[in-house]
Amino acid sequence: MKLERFARRPVVALNPGDTLNHAMQQMWRMSIQHLPVVRHGRPVGMVSERDLLYHVCGDSYAVHELSHK
């Protein structure tokens, strides 16, 4: 079975200059937890919902995650 069967279209990506708010809105709108970051049409990284939550909530999020594993 090929991945093209499962790949979402259209492809949603972020730019390095996008805000955290924009990234979260895209994730919520598309019901996804990871987005590629693209510069000039080339991938430069990935960002996850967890990355964004950790940045916003800091250590309190990390402690919450560890206590619920």
Protein backbone atom coordinates (compact mmCIF):
# COMPACT_ATOMS: atom_id res chain seq x y z
CA MET A 1 0.00 0.00 0.00
CA LYS A 2 1.38 3.43 -0.94
CA LEU A 3 1.38 6.53 1.25
CA GLU A 4 -0.39 8.58 -1.41
CA ARG A 5 -3.59 6.88 -0.29
CA PHE A 6 -3.30 8.48 3.14
CA ALA A 7 -1.62 11.80 2.35
CA ARG A 8 -3.71 14.89 3.01
CA ARG A 9 -4.38 17.35 0.24
CA PRO A 10 -3.87 20.21 0.02
CA VAL A 11 -0.52 20.17 1.78
CA VAL A 12 -0.44 22.71 4.61
CA ALA A 13 2.92 24.16 5.62
CA LEU A 14 4.24 27.00 7.75
CA ASN A 15 6.82 29.65 6.96
CA PRO A 16 9.64 30.37 9.44
CA GLY A 17 8.16 33.83 10.08
CA ASP A 18 4.65 32.60 10.97
CA THR A 19 3.37 33.19 14.49
CA LEU A 20 2.61 30.52 17.09
CA ASN A 21 -1.02 31.59 16.93
CA HIS A 22 -1.14 30.99 13.17
CA ALA A 23 0.49 27.58 13.57
CA MET A 24 -2.03 26.50 16.21
CA GLN A 25 -4.95 27.75 14.13
CA GLN A 26 -3.74 25.71 11.15
CA MET A 27 -3.35 22.59 13.28
CA TRP A 28 -6.80 22.96 14.84
CA ARG A 29 -8.45 23.76 11.49
CA MET A 30 -6.92 20.69 9.84
CA SER A 31 -7.16 18.43 12.94
CA ILE A 32 -3.44 17.64 12.76
CA GLN A 33 -0.60 17.74 15.30
CA HIS A 34 2.45 18.33 13.07
CA LEU A 35 3.27 20.75 10.28
CA PRO A 36 6.31 21.15 8.07
CA VAL A 37 8.12 24.49 8.05
CA VAL A 38 9.09 25.52 4.53
CA ARG A 39 11.39 28.27 3.26
CA HIS A 40 11.45 29.04 -0.48
CA GLY A 41 9.67 25.75 -1.21
CA ARG A 42 12.18 23.63 0.72
CA PRO A 43 11.48 21.95 4.08
CA VAL A 44 13.55 23.38 6.93
CA GLY A 45 11.88 21.65 9.87
CA MET A 46 8.78 20.35 11.58
CA VAL A 47 6.73 21.83 14.38
CA SER A 48 4.36 19.89 16.60
CA GLU A 49 1.44 20.86 18.77
CA ARG A 50 3.51 19.73 21.75
CA ASP A 51 6.37 22.07 20.72
CA LEU A 52 3.98 25.01 20.67
CA LEU A 53 2.31 24.11 23.97
CA TYR A 54 5.68 23.70 25.65
CA HIS A 55 6.77 27.12 24.37
CA VAL A 56 3.57 28.78 25.62
CA CYS A 57 3.24 26.93 28.93
CA GLY A 58 6.92 26.32 29.69
CA ASP A 59 7.94 24.05 32.53
CA SER A 60 4.40 23.64 33.86
CA TYR A 61 3.45 21.76 30.67
CA ALA A 62 6.53 19.52 30.90
CA VAL A 63 5.72 18.62 34.52
CA HIS A 64 2.09 17.89 33.58
CA GLU A 65 3.23 15.61 30.72
CA LEU A 66 5.64 13.66 32.92
CA SER A 67 3.08 13.16 35.67
CA HIS A 68 0.54 11.66 33.23
CA LYS A 69 2.75 9.06 31.53
